[in-house]
Amino acid sequence: MKNLIEVANEGIRKAQARHDASVAQAEHLFRRTQQALRLFQNASGPLQEALAKFGLEVVDVTFSKTGTMSDSGTWCDLQDSLNFSLRLAPTSGKFKFLTFQGYTARGDGKNDARLREKAAKIKEAISTATGFSADVNSCSLEVRGEHTSKTVLANVWVRSPRA
């Protein structure tokens, strides 16, 4: 029969093992995040050059980790990436937002095709310049009234190399 001290020590060892595993996982994810941040930082020059051709510049960047959670509540490491959300603003009169033109009888925006085409061109330029997957919010290319932010929203997904 175990005495109370042995039971307590066993509980402490198990708790320490769980803690150590959790810290190791957090450190691993931190290293992966740093790698992805460095990759994005290295691509920032070509990204800025590509955006300048459209008359745009990055005015704000935020990032978040993508992926799924495991049963234990930790991030899975299989297909994770960092999502960089970019807010782009015109640098000159070169970039023109499309003016809202109303809706068709079916409820589609009259500018939808032009918006998608323009977004696809910017997306392709970002992807080509950086080598990363990207997307541009086509709706952000359209202005409607005086309360429009006049910023273009884009996302870039950076996957860090396997550790």
C-alpha atoms as a PDB file:
ATOM      1  CA  MET A   1       0.000   0.000   0.000  1.00  0.00           C
ATOM      2  CA  LYS A   2       1.333   3.423  -0.968  1.00  0.00           C
ATOM      3  CA  ASN A   3       1.568   6.072   1.640  1.00  0.00           C
ATOM      4  CA  LEU A   4       0.231   9.577   1.167  1.00  0.00           C
ATOM      5  CA  ILE A   5       3.642  11.082   0.328  1.00  0.00           C
ATOM      6  CA  GLU A   6       4.270   8.531  -2.448  1.00  0.00           C
ATOM      7  CA  VAL A   7       0.839   9.243  -3.951  1.00  0.00           C
ATOM      8  CA  ALA A   8       1.453  12.992  -3.775  1.00  0.00           C
ATOM      9  CA  ASN A   9       4.930  12.672  -5.337  1.00  0.00           C
ATOM     10  CA  GLU A  10       3.531  10.538  -8.147  1.00  0.00           C
ATOM     11  CA  GLY A  11       0.878  13.185  -8.823  1.00  0.00           C
ATOM     12  CA  ILE A  12       3.525  15.901  -8.845  1.00  0.00           C
ATOM     13  CA  ARG A  13       5.690  13.923 -11.325  1.00  0.00           C
ATOM     14  CA  LYS A  14       2.718  13.444 -13.663  1.00  0.00           C
ATOM     15  CA  ALA A  15       1.811  17.125 -13.451  1.00  0.00           C
ATOM     16  CA  GLN A  16       5.439  18.070 -14.160  1.00  0.00           C
ATOM     17  CA  ALA A  17       5.520  15.747 -17.192  1.00  0.00           C
ATOM     18  CA  ARG A  18       2.313  17.327 -18.578  1.00  0.00           C
ATOM     19  CA  HIS A  19       3.739  20.792 -17.962  1.00  0.00           C
ATOM     20  CA  ASP A  20       7.050  19.924 -19.669  1.00  0.00           C
ATOM     21  CA  ALA A  21       5.200  18.526 -22.701  1.00  0.00           C
ATOM     22  CA  SER A  22       3.056  21.652 -22.902  1.00  0.00           C
ATOM     23  CA  VAL A  23       6.097  23.934 -22.715  1.00  0.00           C
ATOM     24  CA  ALA A  24       7.888  21.894 -25.401  1.00  0.00           C
ATOM     25  CA  GLN A  25       4.847  22.201 -27.699  1.00  0.00           C
ATOM     26  CA  ALA A  26       4.602  25.950 -27.105  1.00  0.00           C
ATOM     27  CA  GLU A  27       8.313  26.388 -27.828  1.00  0.00           C
ATOM     28  CA  HIS A  28       7.979  24.341 -31.023  1.00  0.00           C
ATOM     29  CA  LEU A  29       5.053  26.451 -32.238  1.00  0.00           C
ATOM     30  CA  PHE A  30       6.920  29.636 -31.322  1.00  0.00           C
ATOM     31  CA  ARG A  31       9.900  28.514 -33.437  1.00  0.00           C
ATOM     32  CA  ARG A  32       7.580  27.707 -36.352  1.00  0.00           C
ATOM     33  CA  THR A  33       5.953  31.133 -35.997  1.00  0.00           C
ATOM     34  CA  GLN A  34       9.358  32.816 -36.008  1.00  0.00           C
ATOM     35  CA  GLN A  35      10.316  30.907 -39.174  1.00  0.00           C
ATOM     36  CA  ALA A  36       7.126  32.021 -40.936  1.00  0.00           C
ATOM     37  CA  LEU A  37       7.654  35.610 -39.783  1.00  0.00           C
ATOM     38  CA  ARG A  38      11.187  35.552 -41.226  1.00  0.00           C
ATOM     39  CA  LEU A  39       9.896  34.158 -44.528  1.00  0.00           C
ATOM     40  CA  PHE A  40       7.297  36.943 -44.719  1.00  0.00           C
ATOM     41  CA  GLN A  41       9.895  39.534 -43.771  1.00  0.00           C
ATOM     42  CA  ASN A  42      12.228  38.274 -46.531  1.00  0.00           C
ATOM     43  CA  ALA A  43       9.385  38.567 -49.053  1.00  0.00           C
ATOM     44  CA  SER A  44       8.380  42.065 -47.960  1.00  0.00           C
ATOM     45  CA  GLY A  45      10.676  43.805 -50.476  1.00  0.00           C
ATOM     46  CA  PRO A  46       9.281  41.992 -53.533  1.00  0.00           C
ATOM     47  CA  LEU A  47       5.763  42.392 -52.082  1.00  0.00           C
ATOM     48  CA  GLN A  48       6.175  46.160 -51.788  1.00  0.00           C
ATOM     49  CA  GLU A  49       7.557  46.362 -55.325  1.00  0.00           C
ATOM     50  CA  ALA A  50       4.613  44.367 -56.708  1.00  0.00           C
ATOM     51  CA  LEU A  51       2.079  46.526 -54.869  1.00  0.00           C
ATOM     52  CA  ALA A  52       3.801  49.732 -56.010  1.00  0.00           C
ATOM     53  CA  LYS A  53       3.053  48.751 -59.623  1.00  0.00           C
ATOM     54  CA  PHE A  54      -0.651  49.023 -58.710  1.00  0.00           C
ATOM     55  CA  GLY A  55      -0.130  52.255 -56.759  1.00  0.00           C
ATOM     56  CA  LEU A  56      -0.656  50.511 -53.396  1.00  0.00           C
ATOM     57  CA  GLU A  57       1.321  50.249 -50.185  1.00  0.00           C
ATOM     58  CA  VAL A  58       0.936  48.229 -46.994  1.00  0.00           C
ATOM     59  CA  VAL A  59      -0.344  50.406 -44.150  1.00  0.00           C
ATOM     60  CA  ASP A  60      -1.171  47.710 -41.608  1.00  0.00           C
ATOM     61  CA  VAL A  61      -0.292  44.054 -41.043  1.00  0.00           C
ATOM     62  CA  THR A  62      -1.736  41.656 -38.505  1.00  0.00           C
ATOM     63  CA  PHE A  63      -1.166  37.937 -38.332  1.00  0.00           C
ATOM     64  CA  SER A  64      -2.855  34.938 -36.843  1.00  0.00           C
ATOM     65  CA  LYS A  65      -2.144  31.242 -36.787  1.00  0.00           C
ATOM     66  CA  THR A  66      -4.362  29.012 -38.867  1.00  0.00           C
ATOM     67  CA  GLY A  67      -4.978  25.328 -38.391  1.00  0.00           C
ATOM     68  CA  THR A  68      -7.062  23.035 -36.255  1.00  0.00           C
ATOM     69  CA  MET A  69      -7.071  22.122 -32.605  1.00  0.00           C
ATOM     70  CA  SER A  70      -6.358  18.631 -31.360  1.00  0.00           C
ATOM     71  CA  ASP A  71      -8.405  16.923 -28.682  1.00  0.00           C
ATOM     72  CA  SER A  72      -5.878  18.104 -26.113  1.00  0.00           C
ATOM     73  CA  GLY A  73      -6.489  21.744 -27.070  1.00  0.00           C
ATOM     74  CA  THR A  74      -3.129  22.257 -28.760  1.00  0.00           C
ATOM     75  CA  TRP A  75      -2.610  23.314 -32.346  1.00  0.00           C
ATOM     76  CA  CYS A  76      -2.096  20.545 -34.851  1.00  0.00           C
ATOM     77  CA  ASP A  77       1.100  20.949 -36.800  1.00  0.00           C
ATOM     78  CA  LEU A  78       0.079  19.364 -40.105  1.00  0.00           C
ATOM     79  CA  GLN A  79      -1.196  22.135 -42.369  1.00  0.00           C
ATOM     80  CA  ASP A  80      -0.758  25.184 -40.169  1.00  0.00           C
ATOM     81  CA  SER A  81       0.352  28.522 -41.523  1.00  0.00           C
ATOM     82  CA  LEU A  82       0.425  32.141 -40.495  1.00  0.00           C
ATOM     83  CA  ASN A  83      -2.235  34.303 -42.073  1.00  0.00           C
ATOM     84  CA  PHE A  84      -1.005  37.839 -42.659  1.00  0.00           C
ATOM     85  CA  SER A  85      -3.912  40.245 -43.071  1.00  0.00           C
ATOM     86  CA  LEU A  86      -2.784  43.264 -45.048  1.00  0.00           C
ATOM     87  CA  ARG A  87      -4.487  46.608 -45.261  1.00  0.00           C
ATOM     88  CA  LEU A  88      -3.353  48.371 -48.431  1.00  0.00           C
ATOM     89  CA  ALA A  89      -3.822  52.026 -49.293  1.00  0.00           C
ATOM     90  CA  PRO A  90      -3.331  53.951 -52.521  1.00  0.00           C
ATOM     91  CA  THR A  91      -0.010  55.797 -52.762  1.00  0.00           C
ATOM     92  CA  SER A  92      -1.054  58.039 -55.617  1.00  0.00           C
ATOM     93  CA  GLY A  93      -3.791  58.573 -58.143  1.00  0.00           C
ATOM     94  CA  LYS A  94      -2.558  55.499 -60.023  1.00  0.00           C
ATOM     95  CA  PHE A  95      -4.863  53.157 -58.106  1.00  0.00           C
ATOM     96  CA  LYS A  96      -8.557  53.668 -58.793  1.00  0.00           C
ATOM     97  CA  PHE A  97     -11.336  52.167 -56.712  1.00  0.00           C
ATOM     98  CA  LEU A  98     -14.454  51.135 -58.615  1.00  0.00           C
ATOM     99  CA  THR A  99     -17.558  53.137 -57.786  1.00  0.00           C
ATOM    100  CA  PHE A 100     -20.586  51.159 -56.663  1.00  0.00           C
ATOM    101  CA  GLN A 101     -23.003  50.815 -59.599  1.00  0.00           C
ATOM    102  CA  GLY A 102     -25.960  49.122 -57.936  1.00  0.00           C
ATOM    103  CA  TYR A 103     -27.369  45.667 -58.439  1.00  0.00           C
ATOM    104  CA  THR A 104     -28.668  43.624 -61.353  1.00  0.00           C
ATOM    105  CA  ALA A 105     -32.223  42.256 -61.440  1.00  0.00           C
ATOM    106  CA  ARG A 106     -30.840  38.975 -60.037  1.00  0.00           C
ATOM    107  CA  GLY A 107     -29.269  40.781 -57.085  1.00  0.00           C
ATOM    108  CA  ASP A 108     -25.655  40.558 -58.243  1.00  0.00           C
ATOM    109  CA  GLY A 109     -23.485  43.635 -58.032  1.00  0.00           C
ATOM    110  CA  LYS A 110     -23.080  45.288 -61.425  1.00  0.00           C
ATOM    111  CA  ASN A 111     -19.336  45.581 -60.771  1.00  0.00           C
ATOM    112  CA  ASP A 112     -18.821  41.953 -59.692  1.00  0.00           C
ATOM    113  CA  ALA A 113     -16.915  40.808 -62.788  1.00  0.00           C
ATOM    114  CA  ARG A 114     -14.675  43.888 -62.825  1.00  0.00           C
ATOM    115  CA  LEU A 115     -14.049  43.600 -59.079  1.00  0.00           C
ATOM    116  CA  ARG A 116     -13.107  39.927 -59.328  1.00  0.00           C
ATOM    117  CA  GLU A 117     -10.825  40.625 -62.287  1.00  0.00           C
ATOM    118  CA  LYS A 118      -9.031  43.454 -60.505  1.00  0.00           C
ATOM    119  CA  ALA A 119      -8.693  41.402 -57.303  1.00  0.00           C
ATOM    120  CA  ALA A 120      -7.303  38.464 -59.301  1.00  0.00           C
ATOM    121  CA  LYS A 121      -4.609  40.691 -60.847  1.00  0.00           C
ATOM    122  CA  ILE A 122      -3.486  41.980 -57.443  1.00  0.00           C
ATOM    123  CA  LYS A 123      -3.640  38.482 -55.956  1.00  0.00           C
ATOM    124  CA  GLU A 124      -1.511  37.075 -58.777  1.00  0.00           C
ATOM    125  CA  ALA A 125       1.045  39.859 -58.345  1.00  0.00           C
ATOM    126  CA  ILE A 126       1.280  39.188 -54.599  1.00  0.00           C
ATOM    127  CA  SER A 127       1.592  35.424 -55.075  1.00  0.00           C
ATOM    128  CA  THR A 128       4.176  35.776 -57.837  1.00  0.00           C
ATOM    129  CA  ALA A 129       6.268  38.271 -55.862  1.00  0.00           C
ATOM    130  CA  THR A 130       6.218  36.362 -52.582  1.00  0.00           C
ATOM    131  CA  GLY A 131       5.718  32.729 -53.563  1.00  0.00           C
ATOM    132  CA  PHE A 132       2.944  32.482 -50.969  1.00  0.00           C
ATOM    133  CA  SER A 133      -0.745  31.791 -51.298  1.00  0.00           C
ATOM    134  CA  ALA A 134      -2.739  35.027 -51.309  1.00  0.00           C
ATOM    135  CA  ASP A 135      -6.239  36.412 -51.665  1.00  0.00           C
ATOM    136  CA  VAL A 136      -7.671  39.881 -52.182  1.00  0.00           C
ATOM    137  CA  ASN A 137     -11.101  40.914 -50.950  1.00  0.00           C
ATOM    138  CA  SER A 138     -12.793  42.073 -54.151  1.00  0.00           C
ATOM    139  CA  CYS A 139     -15.456  43.999 -52.227  1.00  0.00           C
ATOM    140  CA  SER A 140     -12.751  46.223 -50.728  1.00  0.00           C
ATOM    141  CA  LEU A 141     -11.969  47.490 -54.237  1.00  0.00           C
ATOM    142  CA  GLU A 142     -15.345  49.208 -54.470  1.00  0.00           C
ATOM    143  CA  VAL A 143     -16.299  52.539 -52.924  1.00  0.00           C
ATOM    144  CA  ARG A 144     -19.806  53.423 -51.945  1.00  0.00           C
ATOM    145  CA  GLY A 145     -20.453  56.842 -50.499  1.00  0.00           C
ATOM    146  CA  GLU A 146     -18.252  58.933 -48.285  1.00  0.00           C
ATOM    147  CA  HIS A 147     -17.922  56.427 -45.438  1.00  0.00           C
ATOM    148  CA  THR A 148     -15.859  53.911 -47.401  1.00  0.00           C
ATOM    149  CA  SER A 149     -12.449  53.165 -45.878  1.00  0.00           C
ATOM    150  CA  LYS A 150     -10.657  53.262 -49.249  1.00  0.00           C
ATOM    151  CA  THR A 151      -8.319  50.463 -48.249  1.00  0.00           C
ATOM    152  CA  VAL A 152      -7.788  47.180 -50.025  1.00  0.00           C
ATOM    153  CA  LEU A 153      -7.851  44.048 -47.881  1.00  0.00           C
ATOM    154  CA  ALA A 154      -5.551  41.156 -48.724  1.00  0.00           C
ATOM    155  CA  ASN A 155      -4.405  37.974 -47.016  1.00  0.00           C
ATOM    156  CA  VAL A 156      -1.148  36.096 -47.419  1.00  0.00           C
ATOM    157  CA  TRP A 157      -0.654  32.586 -45.991  1.00  0.00           C
ATOM    158  CA  VAL A 158       2.888  31.617 -45.054  1.00  0.00           C
ATOM    159  CA  ARG A 159       3.741  28.036 -44.143  1.00  0.00           C
ATOM    160  CA  SER A 160       6.957  27.629 -42.254  1.00  0.00           C
ATOM    161  CA  PRO A 161       9.225  24.745 -43.222  1.00  0.00           C
ATOM    162  CA  ARG A 162       8.950  21.545 -41.214  1.00  0.00           C
ATOM    163  CA  ALA A 163      11.007  21.705 -38.065  1.00  0.00           C
END
